[in-house]
Amino acid sequence: MIRVGSIVLRVDDLERQAEFWTAALDYVRRPEDGDDFVLLRPRDGVGPNISLDRVRSALQIPPRIHLDLYAEDQAAEVERLIALGATEVHWDKRPADADYVILADPEGNRFCVIDAG
């Protein structure tokens, strides 16, 4: 059987992105990482890793792939993520009753916070 082991994000500022995503997801950093790649893993060992690869690339809008993060208290999580450096992305096609909020990390990589409550 196959499973998702790691989701790789291309980034410019490896340290800033590692700080953001470890705080956002409560992940821990693998100690042996280098100057151009960081692997973040769930503190509790459950779920896929997030790998950050320092490679210059053009940001595609809309992105071809994004993360959906499930939150029991969506409003609190959105507020917390914005305090960490995320920004809210306003989309004119978002339905009024949508169960998601679109955010972008400090480099503009988009992700959604889904109301799972």
Protein backbone atom coordinates (compact mmCIF):
# COMPACT_ATOMS: atom_id res chain seq x y z
CA MET A 1 0.00 0.00 0.00
CA ILE A 2 1.19 3.52 -0.72
CA ARG A 3 0.63 6.63 1.44
CA VAL A 4 1.54 10.31 1.43
CA GLY A 5 4.81 10.65 3.31
CA SER A 6 5.64 14.29 2.68
CA ILE A 7 4.16 17.31 0.97
CA VAL A 8 6.91 19.47 -0.51
CA LEU A 9 6.67 23.26 -0.70
CA ARG A 10 9.19 25.29 -2.68
CA VAL A 11 10.31 28.33 -0.72
CA ASP A 12 12.73 31.24 -0.94
CA ASP A 13 13.35 31.99 2.75
CA LEU A 14 13.88 28.56 4.24
CA GLU A 15 14.25 29.68 7.86
CA ARG A 16 11.21 31.99 7.85
CA GLN A 17 9.04 29.35 6.22
CA ALA A 18 10.28 26.67 8.65
CA GLU A 19 9.40 28.96 11.57
CA PHE A 20 5.94 29.66 10.14
CA TRP A 21 5.00 26.07 9.34
CA THR A 22 6.37 24.56 12.58
CA ALA A 23 4.32 27.07 14.57
CA ALA A 24 1.26 26.80 12.32
CA LEU A 25 1.05 23.01 12.45
CA ASP A 26 2.86 22.27 15.74
CA TYR A 27 5.39 20.25 13.75
CA VAL A 28 9.01 19.59 14.71
CA ARG A 29 12.06 19.99 12.57
CA ARG A 30 14.31 17.06 11.68
CA PRO A 31 17.68 17.94 13.26
CA GLU A 32 19.92 16.78 10.40
CA ASP A 33 18.54 19.11 7.70
CA GLY A 34 20.83 21.30 5.62
CA ASP A 35 20.85 24.78 4.11
CA ASP A 36 18.48 24.02 1.24
CA PHE A 37 15.97 21.50 2.60
CA VAL A 38 14.00 21.13 5.84
CA LEU A 39 11.71 18.27 6.79
CA LEU A 40 8.99 19.04 9.31
CA ARG A 41 7.13 16.19 10.94
CA PRO A 42 4.07 15.99 13.17
CA ARG A 43 5.00 16.24 16.84
CA ASP A 44 2.71 13.28 17.60
CA GLY A 45 3.88 11.28 14.57
CA VAL A 46 0.43 11.24 12.96
CA GLY A 47 0.01 12.62 9.45
CA PRO A 48 2.24 13.53 6.52
CA ASN A 49 5.47 15.48 6.76
CA ILE A 50 5.86 18.94 5.26
CA SER A 51 9.15 19.37 3.44
CA LEU A 52 10.51 22.78 2.55
CA ASP A 53 12.79 22.90 -0.47
CA ARG A 54 14.69 26.13 -1.11
CA VAL A 55 14.24 26.42 -4.86
CA ARG A 56 13.31 29.61 -6.65
CA SER A 57 10.09 29.16 -8.55
CA ALA A 58 7.28 31.33 -9.81
CA LEU A 59 4.19 31.48 -7.64
CA GLN A 60 1.21 30.26 -9.64
CA ILE A 61 -2.17 31.86 -8.95
CA PRO A 62 -4.41 30.04 -8.50
CA PRO A 63 -2.13 27.28 -7.22
CA ARG A 64 -2.34 23.86 -8.78
CA ILE A 65 -2.29 22.28 -5.32
CA HIS A 66 -2.89 23.61 -1.82
CA LEU A 67 -3.29 22.35 1.74
CA ASP A 68 -6.67 22.10 3.48
CA LEU A 69 -6.16 22.45 7.22
CA TYR A 70 -9.10 21.29 9.37
CA ALA A 71 -9.89 23.31 12.49
CA GLU A 72 -12.39 22.76 15.29
CA ASP A 73 -12.34 26.53 16.01
CA GLN A 74 -11.82 28.05 12.58
CA ALA A 75 -11.98 31.71 13.66
CA ALA A 76 -9.37 31.19 16.40
CA GLU A 77 -7.05 29.30 14.04
CA VAL A 78 -7.35 31.94 11.31
CA GLU A 79 -6.52 34.64 13.86
CA ARG A 80 -3.55 32.63 15.18
CA LEU A 81 -2.19 31.95 11.68
CA ILE A 82 -2.48 35.61 10.71
CA ALA A 83 -0.56 36.52 13.88
CA LEU A 84 2.17 34.10 12.72
CA GLY A 85 2.48 35.88 9.37
CA ALA A 86 -0.26 34.47 7.14
CA THR A 87 -2.52 36.79 5.16
CA GLU A 88 -6.14 36.32 4.19
CA VAL A 89 -6.83 35.91 0.49
CA HIS A 90 -10.13 37.36 -0.67
CA TRP A 91 -11.72 35.58 -3.61
CA ASP A 92 -14.80 37.05 -5.25
CA LYS A 93 -16.14 33.57 -6.19
CA ARG A 94 -16.12 32.31 -2.59
CA PRO A 95 -19.70 31.41 -1.59
CA ALA A 96 -21.16 33.36 1.33
CA ASP A 97 -21.75 30.11 3.24
CA ALA A 98 -18.30 28.63 2.52
CA ASP A 99 -16.81 26.48 5.26
CA TYR A 100 -13.27 27.60 4.39
CA VAL A 101 -11.07 30.68 4.67
CA ILE A 102 -8.24 31.09 2.18
CA LEU A 103 -4.91 32.16 3.63
CA ALA A 104 -1.39 32.51 2.26
CA ASP A 105 1.85 31.81 4.11
CA PRO A 106 4.52 34.54 4.31
CA GLU A 107 5.67 33.75 0.74
CA GLY A 108 2.20 33.61 -0.77
CA ASN A 109 1.65 29.83 -0.82
CA ARG A 110 -2.10 29.44 -0.40
CA PHE A 111 -3.89 27.10 1.97
CA CYS A 112 -7.42 26.82 3.34
CA VAL A 113 -8.60 26.61 6.91
CA ILE A 114 -11.71 24.42 6.92
CA ASP A 115 -14.37 24.63 9.62
CA ALA A 116 -14.44 21.09 10.98
CA GLY A 117 -16.44 22.02 14.09
